[in-house]
């Protein structure tokens, strides 16, 4: 280890890793991450992590993510409670990981099952869209005893109620099928209430819903 790297490790206050839920890789190019309460911008390490150096007793209040033109939602991430003093925080607890939310413009590729649609208050075409709702896919695994399985990542509707929910079936899974389609449900949660709609989906392909979900 070089003296410069050793000095950086000693002075590092906290690091943040932004994760793409599709590729599972860090995101750092073309995006911006700010820490409220810190005077200086972060450094970006070779690993793609955003690194803040110690600034006396300062500690981030929260992290503001600006995607720029990247296909992710802008959002605010909570910071962990500050240790007293910050220098006492063990090195292995100085890394925070946050998973990003792809927008409907995200290029999902051909190996994922993706459902794009819109969530509205009623079935009326002029009904108000529902923003900030969680939407995900639920499928039935027939490996062993049949069981319903939720996709590990939930989409979130934007200001127009649009969402892109995706599913990657694990290796060896035996999903329930109906005429070659995976038997699934679209799950939507808002304000602690969850609704679901039966929707068979093509494995490894994109499905654009013709009508909004009410």
C-alpha atoms as a PDB file:
ATOM      1  CA  UNK A   1       0.000   0.000   0.000  1.00  0.00           C
ATOM      2  CA  UNK A   2       1.336   3.422  -0.946  1.00  0.00           C
ATOM      3  CA  UNK A   3       1.589   6.218   1.670  1.00  0.00           C
ATOM      4  CA  UNK A   4      -1.074   8.190  -0.256  1.00  0.00           C
ATOM      5  CA  UNK A   5      -3.534   5.272  -0.185  1.00  0.00           C
ATOM      6  CA  UNK A   6      -2.886   4.712   3.516  1.00  0.00           C
ATOM      7  CA  UNK A   7      -3.505   8.416   4.218  1.00  0.00           C
ATOM      8  CA  UNK A   8      -6.784   8.277   2.227  1.00  0.00           C
ATOM      9  CA  UNK A   9      -7.988   5.239   4.180  1.00  0.00           C
ATOM     10  CA  UNK A  10      -7.304   6.942   7.514  1.00  0.00           C
ATOM     11  CA  UNK A  11      -9.096  10.139   6.427  1.00  0.00           C
ATOM     12  CA  UNK A  12     -12.116   8.456   4.806  1.00  0.00           C
ATOM     13  CA  UNK A  13     -15.313   9.333   6.626  1.00  0.00           C
ATOM     14  CA  UNK A  14     -17.868   7.353   4.641  1.00  0.00           C
ATOM     15  CA  UNK A  15     -18.246   5.767   1.205  1.00  0.00           C
ATOM     16  CA  UNK A  16     -21.403   5.075  -0.818  1.00  0.00           C
ATOM     17  CA  UNK A  17     -21.914   2.454  -3.502  1.00  0.00           C
ATOM     18  CA  UNK A  18     -24.872   2.886  -5.892  1.00  0.00           C
ATOM     19  CA  UNK A  19     -26.045  -0.470  -7.265  1.00  0.00           C
ATOM     20  CA  UNK A  20     -27.853  -1.138 -10.542  1.00  0.00           C
ATOM     21  CA  UNK A  21     -30.419  -3.863  -9.652  1.00  0.00           C
ATOM     22  CA  UNK A  22     -30.295  -5.360 -13.167  1.00  0.00           C
ATOM     23  CA  UNK A  23     -26.548  -5.632 -13.741  1.00  0.00           C
ATOM     24  CA  UNK A  24     -25.720  -5.641 -10.006  1.00  0.00           C
ATOM     25  CA  UNK A  25     -22.770  -3.370 -10.791  1.00  0.00           C
ATOM     26  CA  UNK A  26     -21.846  -0.006  -9.232  1.00  0.00           C
ATOM     27  CA  UNK A  27     -23.149   3.124 -10.974  1.00  0.00           C
ATOM     28  CA  UNK A  28     -20.956   6.219 -10.933  1.00  0.00           C
ATOM     29  CA  UNK A  29     -20.454   7.579 -14.464  1.00  0.00           C
ATOM     30  CA  UNK A  30     -22.654  10.496 -15.492  1.00  0.00           C
ATOM     31  CA  UNK A  31     -24.526  10.687 -12.165  1.00  0.00           C
ATOM     32  CA  UNK A  32     -24.174  12.933  -9.121  1.00  0.00           C
ATOM     33  CA  UNK A  33     -24.366  12.130  -5.428  1.00  0.00           C
ATOM     34  CA  UNK A  34     -24.339  14.904  -2.822  1.00  0.00           C
ATOM     35  CA  UNK A  35     -24.157  14.565   0.960  1.00  0.00           C
ATOM     36  CA  UNK A  36     -26.179  17.170   2.852  1.00  0.00           C
ATOM     37  CA  UNK A  37     -24.143  18.594   5.703  1.00  0.00           C
ATOM     38  CA  UNK A  38     -20.762  18.031   4.079  1.00  0.00           C
ATOM     39  CA  UNK A  39     -18.762  20.977   2.748  1.00  0.00           C
ATOM     40  CA  UNK A  40     -16.890  19.140  -0.003  1.00  0.00           C
ATOM     41  CA  UNK A  41     -17.881  16.969  -2.948  1.00  0.00           C
ATOM     42  CA  UNK A  42     -16.981  13.275  -2.819  1.00  0.00           C
ATOM     43  CA  UNK A  43     -14.040  11.621  -4.469  1.00  0.00           C
ATOM     44  CA  UNK A  44     -14.824   8.716  -6.797  1.00  0.00           C
ATOM     45  CA  UNK A  45     -12.626   5.712  -6.155  1.00  0.00           C
ATOM     46  CA  UNK A  46     -11.364   3.178  -8.680  1.00  0.00           C
ATOM     47  CA  UNK A  47     -14.130   0.825  -7.496  1.00  0.00           C
ATOM     48  CA  UNK A  48     -16.851   3.328  -8.419  1.00  0.00           C
ATOM     49  CA  UNK A  49     -17.619   4.319  -4.837  1.00  0.00           C
ATOM     50  CA  UNK A  50     -18.325   7.887  -3.746  1.00  0.00           C
ATOM     51  CA  UNK A  51     -15.932   8.716  -0.904  1.00  0.00           C
ATOM     52  CA  UNK A  52     -16.173  11.608   1.549  1.00  0.00           C
ATOM     53  CA  UNK A  53     -13.141  12.536   3.610  1.00  0.00           C
ATOM     54  CA  UNK A  54     -13.351  13.560   7.252  1.00  0.00           C
ATOM     55  CA  UNK A  55     -14.272  17.207   7.883  1.00  0.00           C
ATOM     56  CA  UNK A  56     -13.878  17.623  11.614  1.00  0.00           C
ATOM     57  CA  UNK A  57     -17.120  16.549  13.337  1.00  0.00           C
ATOM     58  CA  UNK A  58     -19.285  16.850  10.201  1.00  0.00           C
ATOM     59  CA  UNK A  59     -21.479  13.884   9.244  1.00  0.00           C
ATOM     60  CA  UNK A  60     -23.874  13.447   6.267  1.00  0.00           C
ATOM     61  CA  UNK A  61     -27.530  14.205   7.003  1.00  0.00           C
ATOM     62  CA  UNK A  62     -28.703  12.382   3.869  1.00  0.00           C
ATOM     63  CA  UNK A  63     -27.581  11.641   0.300  1.00  0.00           C
ATOM     64  CA  UNK A  64     -29.217  13.247  -2.759  1.00  0.00           C
ATOM     65  CA  UNK A  65     -28.938  11.259  -5.984  1.00  0.00           C
ATOM     66  CA  UNK A  66     -29.213  13.079  -9.319  1.00  0.00           C
ATOM     67  CA  UNK A  67     -29.197  10.674 -12.289  1.00  0.00           C
ATOM     68  CA  UNK A  68     -28.675  13.337 -14.950  1.00  0.00           C
ATOM     69  CA  UNK A  69     -29.607  11.587 -18.208  1.00  0.00           C
ATOM     70  CA  UNK A  70     -29.066   8.074 -16.792  1.00  0.00           C
ATOM     71  CA  UNK A  71     -32.260   5.914 -16.697  1.00  0.00           C
ATOM     72  CA  UNK A  72     -32.714   5.921 -12.915  1.00  0.00           C
ATOM     73  CA  UNK A  73     -35.053   7.779 -10.591  1.00  0.00           C
ATOM     74  CA  UNK A  74     -33.770  10.755  -8.638  1.00  0.00           C
ATOM     75  CA  UNK A  75     -34.076  10.055  -4.934  1.00  0.00           C
ATOM     76  CA  UNK A  76     -32.826  10.767  -1.434  1.00  0.00           C
ATOM     77  CA  UNK A  77     -31.140   8.096   0.674  1.00  0.00           C
ATOM     78  CA  UNK A  78     -30.985   8.198   4.461  1.00  0.00           C
ATOM     79  CA  UNK A  79     -27.587   8.412   6.128  1.00  0.00           C
ATOM     80  CA  UNK A  80     -26.732   6.149   9.082  1.00  0.00           C
ATOM     81  CA  UNK A  81     -26.741   7.720  12.551  1.00  0.00           C
ATOM     82  CA  UNK A  82     -23.479   9.561  13.259  1.00  0.00           C
ATOM     83  CA  UNK A  83     -21.025   7.910  15.635  1.00  0.00           C
ATOM     84  CA  UNK A  84     -19.562  10.076  18.385  1.00  0.00           C
ATOM     85  CA  UNK A  85     -16.915  10.957  17.469  1.00  0.00           C
ATOM     86  CA  UNK A  86     -16.998   9.959  13.752  1.00  0.00           C
ATOM     87  CA  UNK A  87     -13.400   8.729  13.934  1.00  0.00           C
ATOM     88  CA  UNK A  88     -14.541   5.855  16.170  1.00  0.00           C
ATOM     89  CA  UNK A  89     -16.612   4.211  13.410  1.00  0.00           C
ATOM     90  CA  UNK A  90     -14.929   0.916  12.384  1.00  0.00           C
ATOM     91  CA  UNK A  91     -13.642   0.843   8.806  1.00  0.00           C
ATOM     92  CA  UNK A  92     -15.976  -2.024   7.813  1.00  0.00           C
ATOM     93  CA  UNK A  93     -19.009   0.111   8.742  1.00  0.00           C
ATOM     94  CA  UNK A  94     -18.037   3.094   6.619  1.00  0.00           C
ATOM     95  CA  UNK A  95     -19.519   1.674   3.394  1.00  0.00           C
ATOM     96  CA  UNK A  96     -23.191   2.234   2.535  1.00  0.00           C
ATOM     97  CA  UNK A  97     -24.914   0.507  -0.412  1.00  0.00           C
ATOM     98  CA  UNK A  98     -28.087   1.830  -2.046  1.00  0.00           C
ATOM     99  CA  UNK A  99     -30.019   0.160  -4.861  1.00  0.00           C
ATOM    100  CA  UNK A 100     -31.226   2.428  -7.651  1.00  0.00           C
ATOM    101  CA  UNK A 101     -34.660   2.321  -9.317  1.00  0.00           C
ATOM    102  CA  UNK A 102     -34.628   2.038 -13.131  1.00  0.00           C
ATOM    103  CA  UNK A 103     -37.120   4.161 -15.066  1.00  0.00           C
ATOM    104  CA  UNK A 104     -39.249   2.991 -17.996  1.00  0.00           C
ATOM    105  CA  UNK A 105     -36.437   4.213 -20.281  1.00  0.00           C
ATOM    106  CA  UNK A 106     -33.980   1.648 -18.903  1.00  0.00           C
ATOM    107  CA  UNK A 107     -32.575  -0.750 -21.580  1.00  0.00           C
ATOM    108  CA  UNK A 108     -33.401  -4.029 -19.847  1.00  0.00           C
ATOM    109  CA  UNK A 109     -32.157  -6.353 -22.611  1.00  0.00           C
ATOM    110  CA  UNK A 110     -33.498  -9.714 -23.735  1.00  0.00           C
ATOM    111  CA  UNK A 111     -32.734 -11.955 -20.763  1.00  0.00           C
ATOM    112  CA  UNK A 112     -35.249 -10.386 -18.358  1.00  0.00           C
ATOM    113  CA  UNK A 113     -38.999 -10.606 -18.018  1.00  0.00           C
ATOM    114  CA  UNK A 114     -40.145  -6.982 -17.929  1.00  0.00           C
ATOM    115  CA  UNK A 115     -43.640  -5.518 -17.594  1.00  0.00           C
ATOM    116  CA  UNK A 116     -44.075  -1.837 -18.375  1.00  0.00           C
ATOM    117  CA  UNK A 117     -47.340  -0.097 -17.614  1.00  0.00           C
ATOM    118  CA  UNK A 118     -49.120   2.667 -15.804  1.00  0.00           C
ATOM    119  CA  UNK A 119     -51.010   2.827 -12.513  1.00  0.00           C
ATOM    120  CA  UNK A 120     -54.073   5.113 -12.233  1.00  0.00           C
ATOM    121  CA  UNK A 121     -56.754   5.772  -9.618  1.00  0.00           C
ATOM    122  CA  UNK A 122     -59.503   4.226 -11.800  1.00  0.00           C
ATOM    123  CA  UNK A 123     -59.832   2.563 -15.197  1.00  0.00           C
ATOM    124  CA  UNK A 124     -60.987   5.850 -16.728  1.00  0.00           C
ATOM    125  CA  UNK A 125     -58.348   7.004 -19.285  1.00  0.00           C
ATOM    126  CA  UNK A 126     -58.482  10.475 -17.734  1.00  0.00           C
ATOM    127  CA  UNK A 127     -58.012   9.250 -14.169  1.00  0.00           C
ATOM    128  CA  UNK A 128     -55.191  10.655 -12.084  1.00  0.00           C
ATOM    129  CA  UNK A 129     -51.904   8.686 -12.140  1.00  0.00           C
ATOM    130  CA  UNK A 130     -50.592   7.151  -8.927  1.00  0.00           C
ATOM    131  CA  UNK A 131     -46.985   8.219  -8.220  1.00  0.00           C
ATOM    132  CA  UNK A 132     -44.515   6.640  -5.771  1.00  0.00           C
ATOM    133  CA  UNK A 133     -46.301   3.294  -5.565  1.00  0.00           C
ATOM    134  CA  UNK A 134     -44.256   0.088  -5.316  1.00  0.00           C
ATOM    135  CA  UNK A 135     -44.855  -2.391  -8.143  1.00  0.00           C
ATOM    136  CA  UNK A 136     -43.335  -5.852  -8.497  1.00  0.00           C
ATOM    137  CA  UNK A 137     -43.971  -9.285 -10.052  1.00  0.00           C
ATOM    138  CA  UNK A 138     -44.979 -12.423  -8.159  1.00  0.00           C
ATOM    139  CA  UNK A 139     -44.643 -15.859  -9.740  1.00  0.00           C
ATOM    140  CA  UNK A 140     -45.279 -19.480  -8.698  1.00  0.00           C
ATOM    141  CA  UNK A 141     -42.293 -21.782  -8.326  1.00  0.00           C
ATOM    142  CA  UNK A 142     -43.148 -25.471  -8.774  1.00  0.00           C
ATOM    143  CA  UNK A 143     -39.736 -26.758  -7.719  1.00  0.00           C
ATOM    144  CA  UNK A 144     -40.730 -29.073  -4.884  1.00  0.00           C
ATOM    145  CA  UNK A 145     -43.866 -27.820  -3.157  1.00  0.00           C
ATOM    146  CA  UNK A 146     -45.472 -24.951  -5.162  1.00  0.00           C
ATOM    147  CA  UNK A 147     -44.866 -21.563  -3.599  1.00  0.00           C
ATOM    148  CA  UNK A 148     -45.367 -17.955  -4.620  1.00  0.00           C
ATOM    149  CA  UNK A 149     -42.183 -15.930  -4.977  1.00  0.00           C
ATOM    150  CA  UNK A 150     -41.800 -12.165  -5.172  1.00  0.00           C
ATOM    151  CA  UNK A 151     -39.219 -10.653  -7.494  1.00  0.00           C
ATOM    152  CA  UNK A 152     -36.422  -9.325  -5.258  1.00  0.00           C
ATOM    153  CA  UNK A 153     -36.604  -5.785  -6.646  1.00  0.00           C
ATOM    154  CA  UNK A 154     -39.692  -3.540  -6.724  1.00  0.00           C
ATOM    155  CA  UNK A 155     -40.213  -0.792  -9.269  1.00  0.00           C
ATOM    156  CA  UNK A 156     -41.625   2.558  -8.253  1.00  0.00           C
ATOM    157  CA  UNK A 157     -44.118   4.563 -10.278  1.00  0.00           C
ATOM    158  CA  UNK A 158     -43.026   7.980 -11.508  1.00  0.00           C
ATOM    159  CA  UNK A 159     -45.084  11.202 -11.544  1.00  0.00           C
ATOM    160  CA  UNK A 160     -47.143   9.808 -14.448  1.00  0.00           C
ATOM    161  CA  UNK A 161     -47.801   6.503 -12.688  1.00  0.00           C
ATOM    162  CA  UNK A 162     -45.490   4.658 -15.107  1.00  0.00           C
ATOM    163  CA  UNK A 163     -43.487   1.651 -13.954  1.00  0.00           C
ATOM    164  CA  UNK A 164     -41.154  -1.046 -15.269  1.00  0.00           C
ATOM    165  CA  UNK A 165     -41.201  -4.168 -13.101  1.00  0.00           C
ATOM    166  CA  UNK A 166     -38.726  -6.919 -13.933  1.00  0.00           C
ATOM    167  CA  UNK A 167     -38.106 -10.539 -13.035  1.00  0.00           C
ATOM    168  CA  UNK A 168     -35.092 -12.786 -13.516  1.00  0.00           C
ATOM    169  CA  UNK A 169     -35.985 -16.401 -12.867  1.00  0.00           C
ATOM    170  CA  UNK A 170     -33.287 -18.182 -10.860  1.00  0.00           C
ATOM    171  CA  UNK A 171     -31.399 -21.108 -12.364  1.00  0.00           C
ATOM    172  CA  UNK A 172     -33.276 -24.364 -11.946  1.00  0.00           C
ATOM    173  CA  UNK A 173     -36.643 -22.716 -11.278  1.00  0.00           C
ATOM    174  CA  UNK A 174     -39.799 -24.418 -12.575  1.00  0.00           C
ATOM    175  CA  UNK A 175     -42.390 -21.655 -12.916  1.00  0.00           C
ATOM    176  CA  UNK A 176     -46.069 -22.443 -13.405  1.00  0.00           C
ATOM    177  CA  UNK A 177     -46.923 -21.980 -17.079  1.00  0.00           C
ATOM    178  CA  UNK A 178     -50.100 -21.197 -19.012  1.00  0.00           C
ATOM    179  CA  UNK A 179     -49.839 -21.675 -22.789  1.00  0.00           C
ATOM    180  CA  UNK A 180     -46.119 -21.073 -22.617  1.00  0.00           C
ATOM    181  CA  UNK A 181     -46.370 -17.949 -20.464  1.00  0.00           C
ATOM    182  CA  UNK A 182     -45.207 -17.630 -16.855  1.00  0.00           C
ATOM    183  CA  UNK A 183     -48.188 -17.445 -14.501  1.00  0.00           C
ATOM    184  CA  UNK A 184     -47.681 -14.266 -12.523  1.00  0.00           C
ATOM    185  CA  UNK A 185     -49.324 -11.389 -10.699  1.00  0.00           C
ATOM    186  CA  UNK A 186     -48.536  -7.693 -10.833  1.00  0.00           C
ATOM    187  CA  UNK A 187     -48.374  -6.469  -7.252  1.00  0.00           C
ATOM    188  CA  UNK A 188     -48.907  -2.795  -6.339  1.00  0.00           C
ATOM    189  CA  UNK A 189     -48.536  -1.271  -2.875  1.00  0.00           C
ATOM    190  CA  UNK A 190     -49.421   2.238  -1.759  1.00  0.00           C
ATOM    191  CA  UNK A 191     -49.898   3.553   1.742  1.00  0.00           C
ATOM    192  CA  UNK A 192     -49.607   0.105   3.294  1.00  0.00           C
ATOM    193  CA  UNK A 193     -52.334  -1.389   1.064  1.00  0.00           C
ATOM    194  CA  UNK A 194     -51.479  -3.994  -1.571  1.00  0.00           C
ATOM    195  CA  UNK A 195     -53.460  -4.966  -4.662  1.00  0.00           C
ATOM    196  CA  UNK A 196     -52.659  -7.590  -7.271  1.00  0.00           C
ATOM    197  CA  UNK A 197     -53.669  -8.293 -10.854  1.00  0.00           C
ATOM    198  CA  UNK A 198     -53.230 -11.648 -12.593  1.00  0.00           C
ATOM    199  CA  UNK A 199     -50.977 -11.238 -15.614  1.00  0.00           C
ATOM    200  CA  UNK A 200     -49.208 -14.051 -17.444  1.00  0.00           C
ATOM    201  CA  UNK A 201     -45.831 -12.860 -18.742  1.00  0.00           C
ATOM    202  CA  UNK A 202     -43.380 -14.054 -21.413  1.00  0.00           C
ATOM    203  CA  UNK A 203     -40.140 -15.370 -19.918  1.00  0.00           C
ATOM    204  CA  UNK A 204     -37.143 -13.261 -20.897  1.00  0.00           C
ATOM    205  CA  UNK A 205     -39.129 -10.713 -22.899  1.00  0.00           C
ATOM    206  CA  UNK A 206     -40.729  -7.276 -22.564  1.00  0.00           C
ATOM    207  CA  UNK A 207     -44.488  -6.894 -22.143  1.00  0.00           C
ATOM    208  CA  UNK A 208     -46.042  -3.448 -22.584  1.00  0.00           C
ATOM    209  CA  UNK A 209     -49.522  -3.304 -21.050  1.00  0.00           C
ATOM    210  CA  UNK A 210     -52.090  -1.793 -23.397  1.00  0.00           C
ATOM    211  CA  UNK A 211     -54.307  -0.471 -20.626  1.00  0.00           C
ATOM    212  CA  UNK A 212     -53.487   1.263 -17.364  1.00  0.00           C
ATOM    213  CA  UNK A 213     -53.971  -0.636 -14.125  1.00  0.00           C
ATOM    214  CA  UNK A 214     -56.613   0.829 -11.821  1.00  0.00           C
END
